[in-house]
Amino acid sequence: MNRNDSLPAVALGFFALPAAACALMLLAAVGPSEYEVQQRQEARYCDNVQQWRTEAARGIEPESRYGHPDYDGIASEICTPNYNGAQLASQ
């Protein structure tokens, strides 16, 4: 076996590691940030609490409701009311 026969394999090895590292960094940069993930979780929490409260107001029994109650007690802090344009104009 000649020394030059293994040169392509060595060169491929030297290029594969940096290429894999770059691909991993690119994938990490494309994903959502921790802040975005937290915002989505809070929005989902608020939607579920709102759905629970809406169904409670309609008289639906707890075991038949969708969503969930404000089990963390944080809905009043993190859930902002959704206003439409007409509601904002009237304030």
PDB file of N, CA and C in Angstrom:
ATOM      1  N   MET A   1       0.849  -1.177   0.000  1.00  0.00           N
ATOM      2  CA  MET A   1       0.000   0.000   0.000  1.00  0.00           C
ATOM      3  C   MET A   1       0.889   1.233   0.000  1.00  0.00           C
ATOM      4  N   ASN A   2       0.568   2.135  -0.817  1.00  0.00           N
ATOM      5  CA  ASN A   2       1.318   3.366  -0.985  1.00  0.00           C
ATOM      6  C   ASN A   2       0.805   4.412   0.003  1.00  0.00           C
ATOM      7  N   ARG A   3       1.702   5.290   0.436  1.00  0.00           N
ATOM      8  CA  ARG A   3       1.297   6.356   1.360  1.00  0.00           C
ATOM      9  C   ARG A   3       0.257   7.267   0.751  1.00  0.00           C
ATOM     10  N   ASN A   4       0.308   7.470  -0.523  1.00  0.00           N
ATOM     11  CA  ASN A   4      -0.623   8.373  -1.193  1.00  0.00           C
ATOM     12  C   ASN A   4      -2.014   7.773  -1.333  1.00  0.00           C
ATOM     13  N   ASP A   5      -2.139   6.453  -1.150  1.00  0.00           N
ATOM     14  CA  ASP A   5      -3.456   5.822  -1.249  1.00  0.00           C
ATOM     15  C   ASP A   5      -4.380   6.262  -0.113  1.00  0.00           C
ATOM     16  N   SER A   6      -3.836   6.557   1.042  1.00  0.00           N
ATOM     17  CA  SER A   6      -4.669   6.947   2.181  1.00  0.00           C
ATOM     18  C   SER A   6      -4.903   8.452   2.250  1.00  0.00           C
ATOM     19  N   LEU A   7      -4.300   9.211   1.368  1.00  0.00           N
ATOM     20  CA  LEU A   7      -4.450  10.672   1.377  1.00  0.00           C
ATOM     21  C   LEU A   7      -5.904  11.114   1.211  1.00  0.00           C
ATOM     22  N   PRO A   8      -6.680  10.546   0.273  1.00  0.00           N
ATOM     23  CA  PRO A   8      -8.085  10.981   0.166  1.00  0.00           C
ATOM     24  C   PRO A   8      -8.888  10.705   1.437  1.00  0.00           C
ATOM     25  N   ALA A   9      -8.629   9.602   2.096  1.00  0.00           N
ATOM     26  CA  ALA A   9      -9.357   9.291   3.324  1.00  0.00           C
ATOM     27  C   ALA A   9      -8.996  10.266   4.431  1.00  0.00           C
ATOM     28  N   VAL A  10      -7.730  10.632   4.533  1.00  0.00           N
ATOM     29  CA  VAL A  10      -7.294  11.589   5.546  1.00  0.00           C
ATOM     30  C   VAL A  10      -7.876  12.964   5.252  1.00  0.00           C
ATOM     31  N   ALA A  11      -7.837  13.366   3.980  1.00  0.00           N
ATOM     32  CA  ALA A  11      -8.384  14.671   3.598  1.00  0.00           C
ATOM     33  C   ALA A  11      -9.880  14.724   3.883  1.00  0.00           C
ATOM     34  N   LEU A  12     -10.572  13.630   3.580  1.00  0.00           N
ATOM     35  CA  LEU A  12     -12.005  13.579   3.857  1.00  0.00           C
ATOM     36  C   LEU A  12     -12.274  13.703   5.353  1.00  0.00           C
ATOM     37  N   GLY A  13     -11.456  13.082   6.163  1.00  0.00           N
ATOM     38  CA  GLY A  13     -11.595  13.170   7.610  1.00  0.00           C
ATOM     39  C   GLY A  13     -11.390  14.578   8.125  1.00  0.00           C
ATOM     40  N   PHE A  14     -10.414  15.288   7.569  1.00  0.00           N
ATOM     41  CA  PHE A  14     -10.155  16.660   8.000  1.00  0.00           C
ATOM     42  C   PHE A  14     -11.272  17.610   7.583  1.00  0.00           C
ATOM     43  N   PHE A  15     -11.941  17.326   6.484  1.00  0.00           N
ATOM     44  CA  PHE A  15     -13.024  18.195   6.035  1.00  0.00           C
ATOM     45  C   PHE A  15     -14.367  17.812   6.655  1.00  0.00           C
ATOM     46  N   ALA A  16     -14.524  16.551   7.014  1.00  0.00           N
ATOM     47  CA  ALA A  16     -15.806  16.096   7.547  1.00  0.00           C
ATOM     48  C   ALA A  16     -16.085  16.669   8.935  1.00  0.00           C
ATOM     49  N   LEU A  17     -15.078  16.738   9.771  1.00  0.00           N
ATOM     50  CA  LEU A  17     -15.286  17.236  11.131  1.00  0.00           C
ATOM     51  C   LEU A  17     -15.703  18.710  11.147  1.00  0.00           C
ATOM     52  N   PRO A  18     -14.988  19.610  10.455  1.00  0.00           N
ATOM     53  CA  PRO A  18     -15.458  21.007  10.434  1.00  0.00           C
ATOM     54  C   PRO A  18     -16.812  21.165   9.749  1.00  0.00           C
ATOM     55  N   ALA A  19     -17.070  20.368   8.717  1.00  0.00           N
ATOM     56  CA  ALA A  19     -18.366  20.456   8.041  1.00  0.00           C
ATOM     57  C   ALA A  19     -19.489  20.034   8.984  1.00  0.00           C
ATOM     58  N   ALA A  20     -19.272  18.988   9.748  1.00  0.00           N
ATOM     59  CA  ALA A  20     -20.282  18.543  10.709  1.00  0.00           C
ATOM     60  C   ALA A  20     -20.487  19.585  11.804  1.00  0.00           C
ATOM     61  N   ALA A  21     -19.413  20.206  12.256  1.00  0.00           N
ATOM     62  CA  ALA A  21     -19.524  21.248  13.282  1.00  0.00           C
ATOM     63  C   ALA A  21     -20.302  22.441  12.750  1.00  0.00           C
ATOM     64  N   CYS A  22     -20.044  22.830  11.514  1.00  0.00           N
ATOM     65  CA  CYS A  22     -20.778  23.950  10.906  1.00  0.00           C
ATOM     66  C   CYS A  22     -22.257  23.610  10.749  1.00  0.00           C
ATOM     67  N   ALA A  23     -22.549  22.392  10.341  1.00  0.00           N
ATOM     68  CA  ALA A  23     -23.944  21.979  10.191  1.00  0.00           C
ATOM     69  C   ALA A  23     -24.662  22.009  11.533  1.00  0.00           C
ATOM     70  N   LEU A  24     -24.000  21.566  12.579  1.00  0.00           N
ATOM     71  CA  LEU A  24     -24.598  21.576  13.911  1.00  0.00           C
ATOM     72  C   LEU A  24     -24.857  23.002  14.390  1.00  0.00           C
ATOM     73  N   MET A  25     -23.917  23.898  14.155  1.00  0.00           N
ATOM     74  CA  MET A  25     -24.105  25.303  14.550  1.00  0.00           C
ATOM     75  C   MET A  25     -25.240  25.934  13.759  1.00  0.00           C
ATOM     76  N   LEU A  26     -25.362  25.590  12.487  1.00  0.00           N
ATOM     77  CA  LEU A  26     -26.439  26.127  11.663  1.00  0.00           C
ATOM     78  C   LEU A  26     -27.792  25.649  12.177  1.00  0.00           C
ATOM     79  N   LEU A  27     -27.890  24.387  12.526  1.00  0.00           N
ATOM     80  CA  LEU A  27     -29.143  23.866  13.066  1.00  0.00           C
ATOM     81  C   LEU A  27     -29.496  24.524  14.397  1.00  0.00           C
ATOM     82  N   ALA A  28     -28.499  24.781  15.214  1.00  0.00           N
ATOM     83  CA  ALA A  28     -28.744  25.433  16.504  1.00  0.00           C
ATOM     84  C   ALA A  28     -29.216  26.867  16.304  1.00  0.00           C
ATOM     85  N   ALA A  29     -28.687  27.543  15.305  1.00  0.00           N
ATOM     86  CA  ALA A  29     -29.058  28.935  15.053  1.00  0.00           C
ATOM     87  C   ALA A  29     -30.457  29.045  14.464  1.00  0.00           C
ATOM     88  N   VAL A  30     -30.905  28.035  13.762  1.00  0.00           N
ATOM     89  CA  VAL A  30     -32.202  28.080  13.101  1.00  0.00           C
ATOM     90  C   VAL A  30     -33.338  27.809  14.080  1.00  0.00           C
ATOM     91  N   GLY A  31     -33.102  27.051  15.124  1.00  0.00           N
ATOM     92  CA  GLY A  31     -34.147  26.692  16.080  1.00  0.00           C
ATOM     93  C   GLY A  31     -34.601  27.890  16.896  1.00  0.00           C
ATOM     94  N   PRO A  32     -35.745  27.750  17.562  1.00  0.00           N
ATOM     95  CA  PRO A  32     -36.265  28.855  18.371  1.00  0.00           C
ATOM     96  C   PRO A  32     -35.392  29.106  19.601  1.00  0.00           C
ATOM     97  N   SER A  33     -35.346  30.372  20.002  1.00  0.00           N
ATOM     98  CA  SER A  33     -34.575  30.725  21.189  1.00  0.00           C
ATOM     99  C   SER A  33     -35.351  30.315  22.439  1.00  0.00           C
ATOM    100  N   GLU A  34     -34.680  30.349  23.576  1.00  0.00           N
ATOM    101  CA  GLU A  34     -35.352  30.006  24.836  1.00  0.00           C
ATOM    102  C   GLU A  34     -36.501  30.975  25.113  1.00  0.00           C
ATOM    103  N   TYR A  35     -36.304  32.250  24.754  1.00  0.00           N
ATOM    104  CA  TYR A  35     -37.349  33.251  24.961  1.00  0.00           C
ATOM    105  C   TYR A  35     -38.586  32.915  24.128  1.00  0.00           C
ATOM    106  N   GLU A  36     -38.364  32.524  22.865  1.00  0.00           N
ATOM    107  CA  GLU A  36     -39.492  32.174  22.004  1.00  0.00           C
ATOM    108  C   GLU A  36     -40.227  30.939  22.524  1.00  0.00           C
ATOM    109  N   VAL A  37     -39.481  29.971  23.005  1.00  0.00           N
ATOM    110  CA  VAL A  37     -40.096  28.765  23.568  1.00  0.00           C
ATOM    111  C   VAL A  37     -40.926  29.132  24.795  1.00  0.00           C
ATOM    112  N   GLN A  38     -40.393  30.002  25.652  1.00  0.00           N
ATOM    113  CA  GLN A  38     -41.126  30.427  26.844  1.00  0.00           C
ATOM    114  C   GLN A  38     -42.397  31.175  26.452  1.00  0.00           C
ATOM    115  N   GLN A  39     -42.306  32.042  25.450  1.00  0.00           N
ATOM    116  CA  GLN A  39     -43.483  32.787  25.006  1.00  0.00           C
ATOM    117  C   GLN A  39     -44.565  31.843  24.487  1.00  0.00           C
ATOM    118  N   ARG A  40     -44.161  30.829  23.738  1.00  0.00           N
ATOM    119  CA  ARG A  40     -45.128  29.856  23.219  1.00  0.00           C
ATOM    120  C   ARG A  40     -45.774  29.064  24.347  1.00  0.00           C
ATOM    121  N   GLN A  41     -44.987  28.683  25.341  1.00  0.00           N
ATOM    122  CA  GLN A  41     -45.535  27.931  26.473  1.00  0.00           C
ATOM    123  C   GLN A  41     -46.521  28.782  27.260  1.00  0.00           C
ATOM    124  N   GLU A  42     -46.185  30.052  27.462  1.00  0.00           N
ATOM    125  CA  GLU A  42     -47.094  30.944  28.185  1.00  0.00           C
ATOM    126  C   GLU A  42     -48.375  31.163  27.398  1.00  0.00           C
ATOM    127  N   ALA A  43     -48.260  31.325  26.080  1.00  0.00           N
ATOM    128  CA  ALA A  43     -49.451  31.518  25.248  1.00  0.00           C
ATOM    129  C   ALA A  43     -50.347  30.286  25.299  1.00  0.00           C
ATOM    130  N   ARG A  44     -49.753  29.102  25.248  1.00  0.00           N
ATOM    131  CA  ARG A  44     -50.533  27.861  25.331  1.00  0.00           C
ATOM    132  C   ARG A  44     -51.209  27.751  26.701  1.00  0.00           C
ATOM    133  N   TYR A  45     -50.485  28.110  27.756  1.00  0.00           N
ATOM    134  CA  TYR A  45     -51.048  28.079  29.109  1.00  0.00           C
ATOM    135  C   TYR A  45     -52.255  29.013  29.185  1.00  0.00           C
ATOM    136  N   CYS A  46     -52.093  30.236  28.679  1.00  0.00           N
ATOM    137  CA  CYS A  46     -53.175  31.221  28.726  1.00  0.00           C
ATOM    138  C   CYS A  46     -54.375  30.769  27.897  1.00  0.00           C
ATOM    139  N   ASP A  47     -54.123  30.192  26.723  1.00  0.00           N
ATOM    140  CA  ASP A  47     -55.221  29.692  25.895  1.00  0.00           C
ATOM    141  C   ASP A  47     -56.002  28.602  26.621  1.00  0.00           C
ATOM    142  N   ASN A  48     -55.294  27.701  27.274  1.00  0.00           N
ATOM    143  CA  ASN A  48     -55.959  26.608  27.987  1.00  0.00           C
ATOM    144  C   ASN A  48     -56.759  27.116  29.183  1.00  0.00           C
ATOM    145  N   VAL A  49     -56.206  28.094  29.910  1.00  0.00           N
ATOM    146  CA  VAL A  49     -56.931  28.673  31.048  1.00  0.00           C
ATOM    147  C   VAL A  49     -58.176  29.398  30.550  1.00  0.00           C
ATOM    148  N   GLN A  50     -58.038  30.151  29.457  1.00  0.00           N
ATOM    149  CA  GLN A  50     -59.186  30.869  28.905  1.00  0.00           C
ATOM    150  C   GLN A  50     -60.269  29.898  28.445  1.00  0.00           C
ATOM    151  N   GLN A  51     -59.866  28.817  27.806  1.00  0.00           N
ATOM    152  CA  GLN A  51     -60.841  27.827  27.365  1.00  0.00           C
ATOM    153  C   GLN A  51     -61.557  27.194  28.564  1.00  0.00           C
ATOM    154  N   TRP A  52     -60.807  26.897  29.608  1.00  0.00           N
ATOM    155  CA  TRP A  52     -61.392  26.321  30.830  1.00  0.00           C
ATOM    156  C   TRP A  52     -62.424  27.280  31.423  1.00  0.00           C
ATOM    157  N   ARG A  53     -62.056  28.554  31.520  1.00  0.00           N
ATOM    158  CA  ARG A  53     -62.956  29.549  32.114  1.00  0.00           C
ATOM    159  C   ARG A  53     -64.194  29.772  31.248  1.00  0.00           C
ATOM    160  N   THR A  54     -64.014  29.780  29.935  1.00  0.00           N
ATOM    161  CA  THR A  54     -65.148  29.966  29.031  1.00  0.00           C
ATOM    162  C   THR A  54     -66.143  28.825  29.175  1.00  0.00           C
ATOM    163  N   GLU A  55     -65.636  27.613  29.233  1.00  0.00           N
ATOM    164  CA  GLU A  55     -66.522  26.463  29.374  1.00  0.00           C
ATOM    165  C   GLU A  55     -67.155  26.422  30.764  1.00  0.00           C
ATOM    166  N   ALA A  56     -66.441  26.900  31.773  1.00  0.00           N
ATOM    167  CA  ALA A  56     -67.027  26.981  33.117  1.00  0.00           C
ATOM    168  C   ALA A  56     -68.184  27.974  33.119  1.00  0.00           C
ATOM    169  N   ALA A  57     -68.018  29.098  32.417  1.00  0.00           N
ATOM    170  CA  ALA A  57     -69.074  30.102  32.344  1.00  0.00           C
ATOM    171  C   ALA A  57     -70.299  29.565  31.603  1.00  0.00           C
ATOM    172  N   ARG A  58     -70.093  28.621  30.708  1.00  0.00           N
ATOM    173  CA  ARG A  58     -71.206  28.011  29.976  1.00  0.00           C
ATOM    174  C   ARG A  58     -71.875  26.900  30.777  1.00  0.00           C
ATOM    175  N   GLY A  59     -71.338  26.596  31.957  1.00  0.00           N
ATOM    176  CA  GLY A  59     -71.936  25.590  32.826  1.00  0.00           C
ATOM    177  C   GLY A  59     -71.493  24.168  32.545  1.00  0.00           C
ATOM    178  N   ILE A  60     -70.420  23.995  31.815  1.00  0.00           N
ATOM    179  CA  ILE A  60     -69.919  22.651  31.519  1.00  0.00           C
ATOM    180  C   ILE A  60     -69.206  22.110  32.751  1.00  0.00           C
ATOM    181  N   GLU A  61     -69.494  20.884  33.085  1.00  0.00           N
ATOM    182  CA  GLU A  61     -68.890  20.244  34.257  1.00  0.00           C
ATOM    183  C   GLU A  61     -67.375  20.122  34.084  1.00  0.00           C
ATOM    184  N   PRO A  62     -66.606  20.224  35.168  1.00  0.00           N
ATOM    185  CA  PRO A  62     -65.138  20.173  35.074  1.00  0.00           C
ATOM    186  C   PRO A  62     -64.597  18.943  34.355  1.00  0.00           C
ATOM    187  N   GLU A  63     -65.213  17.791  34.554  1.00  0.00           N
ATOM    188  CA  GLU A  63     -64.687  16.582  33.918  1.00  0.00           C
ATOM    189  C   GLU A  63     -64.955  16.547  32.410  1.00  0.00           C
ATOM    190  N   SER A  64     -65.796  17.457  31.918  1.00  0.00           N
ATOM    191  CA  SER A  64     -66.102  17.504  30.486  1.00  0.00           C
ATOM    192  C   SER A  64     -65.453  18.690  29.785  1.00  0.00           C
ATOM    193  N   ARG A  65     -64.743  19.524  30.513  1.00  0.00           N
ATOM    194  CA  ARG A  65     -64.138  20.731  29.930  1.00  0.00           C
ATOM    195  C   ARG A  65     -62.814  20.429  29.244  1.00  0.00           C
ATOM    196  N   TYR A  66     -62.513  21.268  28.284  1.00  0.00           N
ATOM    197  CA  TYR A  66     -61.187  21.268  27.674  1.00  0.00           C
ATOM    198  C   TYR A  66     -60.361  22.355  28.349  1.00  0.00           C
ATOM    199  N   GLY A  67     -59.062  22.356  28.096  1.00  0.00           N
ATOM    200  CA  GLY A  67     -58.185  23.325  28.738  1.00  0.00           C
ATOM    201  C   GLY A  67     -57.850  22.870  30.143  1.00  0.00           C
ATOM    202  N   HIS A  68     -57.475  23.820  30.980  1.00  0.00           N
ATOM    203  CA  HIS A  68     -57.172  23.503  32.374  1.00  0.00           C
ATOM    204  C   HIS A  68     -57.345  24.751  33.223  1.00  0.00           C
ATOM    205  N   PRO A  69     -57.560  24.562  34.533  1.00  0.00           N
ATOM    206  CA  PRO A  69     -57.672  25.729  35.419  1.00  0.00           C
ATOM    207  C   PRO A  69     -56.310  26.401  35.581  1.00  0.00           C
ATOM    208  N   ASP A  70     -56.314  27.546  36.206  1.00  0.00           N
ATOM    209  CA  ASP A  70     -55.068  28.286  36.458  1.00  0.00           C
ATOM    210  C   ASP A  70     -54.354  27.631  37.634  1.00  0.00           C
ATOM    211  N   TYR A  71     -53.818  26.436  37.399  1.00  0.00           N
ATOM    212  CA  TYR A  71     -53.227  25.651  38.485  1.00  0.00           C
ATOM    213  C   TYR A  71     -51.942  26.244  39.022  1.00  0.00           C
ATOM    214  N   ASP A  72     -51.246  27.102  38.258  1.00  0.00           N
ATOM    215  CA  ASP A  72     -50.040  27.760  38.765  1.00  0.00           C
ATOM    216  C   ASP A  72     -50.348  29.115  39.405  1.00  0.00           C
ATOM    217  N   GLY A  73     -51.566  29.615  39.219  1.00  0.00           N
ATOM    218  CA  GLY A  73     -51.940  30.905  39.777  1.00  0.00           C
ATOM    219  C   GLY A  73     -51.211  32.080  39.142  1.00  0.00           C
ATOM    220  N   ILE A  74     -50.859  31.946  37.863  1.00  0.00           N
ATOM    221  CA  ILE A  74     -50.078  32.991  37.194  1.00  0.00           C
ATOM    222  C   ILE A  74     -50.808  33.630  36.025  1.00  0.00           C
ATOM    223  N   ALA A  75     -52.026  33.207  35.756  1.00  0.00           N
ATOM    224  CA  ALA A  75     -52.742  33.714  34.584  1.00  0.00           C
ATOM    225  C   ALA A  75     -52.947  35.222  34.656  1.00  0.00           C
ATOM    226  N   SER A  76     -53.226  35.754  35.845  1.00  0.00           N
ATOM    227  CA  SER A  76     -53.451  37.200  35.957  1.00  0.00           C
ATOM    228  C   SER A  76     -52.177  37.991  35.688  1.00  0.00           C
ATOM    229  N   GLU A  77     -51.018  37.361  35.850  1.00  0.00           N
ATOM    230  CA  GLU A  77     -49.744  38.047  35.618  1.00  0.00           C
ATOM    231  C   GLU A  77     -49.268  37.933  34.177  1.00  0.00           C
ATOM    232  N   ILE A  78     -49.406  36.746  33.579  1.00  0.00           N
ATOM    233  CA  ILE A  78     -48.800  36.545  32.259  1.00  0.00           C
ATOM    234  C   ILE A  78     -49.781  36.623  31.111  1.00  0.00           C
ATOM    235  N   CYS A  79     -51.062  36.475  31.381  1.00  0.00           N
ATOM    236  CA  CYS A  79     -52.052  36.468  30.303  1.00  0.00           C
ATOM    237  C   CYS A  79     -52.618  37.871  30.127  1.00  0.00           C
ATOM    238  N   THR A  80     -52.351  38.446  28.984  1.00  0.00           N
ATOM    239  CA  THR A  80     -52.873  39.777  28.689  1.00  0.00           C
ATOM    240  C   THR A  80     -54.174  39.623  27.922  1.00  0.00           C
ATOM    241  N   PRO A  81     -55.132  40.496  28.172  1.00  0.00           N
ATOM    242  CA  PRO A  81     -56.390  40.389  27.430  1.00  0.00           C
ATOM    243  C   PRO A  81     -56.176  40.702  25.950  1.00  0.00           C
ATOM    244  N   ASN A  82     -56.913  40.018  25.108  1.00  0.00           N
ATOM    245  CA  ASN A  82     -56.843  40.268  23.669  1.00  0.00           C
ATOM    246  C   ASN A  82     -57.935  41.259  23.302  1.00  0.00           C
ATOM    247  N   TYR A  83     -57.531  42.397  22.776  1.00  0.00           N
ATOM    248  CA  TYR A  83     -58.481  43.418  22.361  1.00  0.00           C
ATOM    249  C   TYR A  83     -58.504  43.481  20.847  1.00  0.00           C
ATOM    250  N   ASN A  84     -59.698  43.710  20.300  1.00  0.00           N
ATOM    251  CA  ASN A  84     -59.756  43.975  18.870  1.00  0.00           C
ATOM    252  C   ASN A  84     -59.746  45.485  18.659  1.00  0.00           C
ATOM    253  N   GLY A  85     -59.681  45.919  17.439  1.00  0.00           N
ATOM    254  CA  GLY A  85     -59.567  47.346  17.131  1.00  0.00           C
ATOM    255  C   GLY A  85     -60.715  48.172  17.675  1.00  0.00           C
ATOM    256  N   ALA A  86     -61.943  47.663  17.592  1.00  0.00           N
ATOM    257  CA  ALA A  86     -63.107  48.405  18.076  1.00  0.00           C
ATOM    258  C   ALA A  86     -63.045  48.585  19.587  1.00  0.00           C
ATOM    259  N   GLN A  87     -62.595  47.563  20.294  1.00  0.00           N
ATOM    260  CA  GLN A  87     -62.488  47.666  21.745  1.00  0.00           C
ATOM    261  C   GLN A  87     -61.426  48.685  22.138  1.00  0.00           C
ATOM    262  N   LEU A  88     -60.311  48.703  21.425  1.00  0.00           N
ATOM    263  CA  LEU A  88     -59.258  49.669  21.734  1.00  0.00           C
ATOM    264  C   LEU A  88     -59.708  51.089  21.437  1.00  0.00           C
ATOM    265  N   ALA A  89     -60.459  51.279  20.358  1.00  0.00           N
ATOM    266  CA  ALA A  89     -60.918  52.614  19.988  1.00  0.00           C
ATOM    267  C   ALA A  89     -61.910  53.158  21.006  1.00  0.00           C
ATOM    268  N   SER A  90     -62.661  52.277  21.655  1.00  0.00           N
ATOM    269  CA  SER A  90     -63.660  52.738  22.615  1.00  0.00           C
ATOM    270  C   SER A  90     -63.063  53.072  23.975  1.00  0.00           C
ATOM    271  N   GLN A  91     -61.808  52.768  24.185  1.00  0.00           N
ATOM    272  CA  GLN A  91     -61.196  53.033  25.492  1.00  0.00           C
ATOM    273  C   GLN A  91     -60.560  54.392  25.543  1.00  0.00           C
TER     274      GLN A  91
END
